[in-house]
């Protein structure tokens, strides 16, 4: 079974699409959970809105950054696969 550049690029693009989808699902989930956490913390008496926002942002910034990087990595994989197909002319 011979692997051509087009077939390999299609496989890389498919894997990149899956990684990008997982990354974007993580971004949306992180944002939704951040809003829920902010509303929950802001409803407590000891916290005002700004303190609740500071605590929430400290809690989600790491996860948000990593999921955004994961989505970007998936998109880069897809772009490189498309570039390799265009470069070889298949």
Protein backbone atom coordinates (compact mmCIF):
# COMPACT_ATOMS: atom_id res chain seq x y z
CA UNK A 1 0.00 0.00 0.00
CA UNK A 2 1.68 3.13 -1.20
CA UNK A 3 1.25 6.32 0.79
CA UNK A 4 1.14 9.39 -1.37
CA UNK A 5 1.59 12.95 -0.23
CA UNK A 6 -2.10 13.63 -0.81
CA UNK A 7 -3.17 10.70 1.37
CA UNK A 8 -0.75 11.63 4.14
CA UNK A 9 -1.85 15.25 3.97
CA UNK A 10 -5.49 14.21 4.18
CA UNK A 11 -4.69 12.19 7.30
CA UNK A 12 -2.79 15.07 8.89
CA UNK A 13 -5.63 17.47 8.03
CA UNK A 14 -8.18 15.12 9.59
CA UNK A 15 -6.14 14.80 12.78
CA UNK A 16 -5.64 18.57 12.83
CA UNK A 17 -9.38 19.11 12.47
CA UNK A 18 -10.08 16.81 15.41
CA UNK A 19 -7.49 18.60 17.54
CA UNK A 20 -8.92 22.00 16.57
CA UNK A 21 -12.46 20.90 17.42
CA UNK A 22 -11.35 19.58 20.80
CA UNK A 23 -9.51 22.85 21.43
CA UNK A 24 -12.50 25.02 20.54
CA UNK A 25 -14.81 22.87 22.67
CA UNK A 26 -12.37 23.43 25.54
CA UNK A 27 -12.33 27.20 24.92
CA UNK A 28 -16.13 27.45 24.94
CA UNK A 29 -16.43 25.20 27.99
CA UNK A 30 -13.82 27.24 29.87
CA UNK A 31 -15.62 30.50 29.09
CA UNK A 32 -19.01 29.12 30.14
CA UNK A 33 -17.62 27.69 33.36
CA UNK A 34 -15.81 30.97 34.03
CA UNK A 35 -19.04 32.93 33.72
CA UNK A 36 -20.83 30.46 36.00
CA UNK A 37 -18.02 30.71 38.57
CA UNK A 38 -18.05 34.51 38.39
CA UNK A 39 -21.82 34.67 38.95
CA UNK A 40 -21.54 32.20 41.82
CA UNK A 41 -18.72 34.12 43.52
CA UNK A 42 -20.39 37.49 42.97
CA UNK A 43 -23.51 36.26 44.75
CA UNK A 44 -21.58 35.72 48.00
CA UNK A 45 -21.61 38.60 50.44
CA UNK A 46 -17.83 38.88 51.09
CA UNK A 47 -17.03 39.38 47.38
CA UNK A 48 -17.97 42.26 45.15
CA UNK A 49 -18.11 41.98 41.35
CA UNK A 50 -14.48 42.99 40.80
CA UNK A 51 -13.04 40.63 43.40
CA UNK A 52 -15.15 37.80 41.99
CA UNK A 53 -13.89 38.61 38.49
CA UNK A 54 -10.26 38.66 39.66
CA UNK A 55 -10.64 35.27 41.36
CA UNK A 56 -12.42 33.81 38.33
CA UNK A 57 -9.82 35.07 35.86
CA UNK A 58 -7.03 33.64 38.01
CA UNK A 59 -8.83 30.30 38.00
CA UNK A 60 -9.47 30.01 34.25
CA UNK A 61 -6.58 31.82 32.56
CA UNK A 62 -4.31 28.77 32.43
CA UNK A 63 -6.93 26.39 31.07
CA UNK A 64 -8.13 29.03 28.57
CA UNK A 65 -4.60 29.61 27.30
CA UNK A 66 -3.85 25.91 26.82
CA UNK A 67 -7.14 25.17 25.04
CA UNK A 68 -6.65 28.17 22.74
CA UNK A 69 -3.14 26.94 21.94
CA UNK A 70 -4.54 23.46 21.23
CA UNK A 71 -7.10 24.90 18.79
CA UNK A 72 -4.38 26.94 17.10
CA UNK A 73 -2.15 23.90 16.78
CA UNK A 74 -4.95 22.02 15.04
CA UNK A 75 -5.44 24.86 12.58
CA UNK A 76 -1.69 25.01 11.88
CA UNK A 77 -1.69 21.28 11.15
CA UNK A 78 -4.51 21.75 8.64
CA UNK A 79 -2.74 24.67 6.98
CA UNK A 80 0.50 22.72 6.66
CA UNK A 81 -1.34 19.77 5.15
CA UNK A 82 -3.01 22.03 2.59
CA UNK A 83 0.34 23.68 1.84
CA UNK A 84 2.04 20.34 1.24
CA UNK A 85 -0.67 19.27 -1.22
CA UNK A 86 -0.47 22.59 -3.05
CA UNK A 87 3.32 22.41 -3.11
CA UNK A 88 3.44 18.95 -4.67
CA UNK A 89 0.68 19.74 -7.16
CA UNK A 90 -1.58 16.78 -6.31
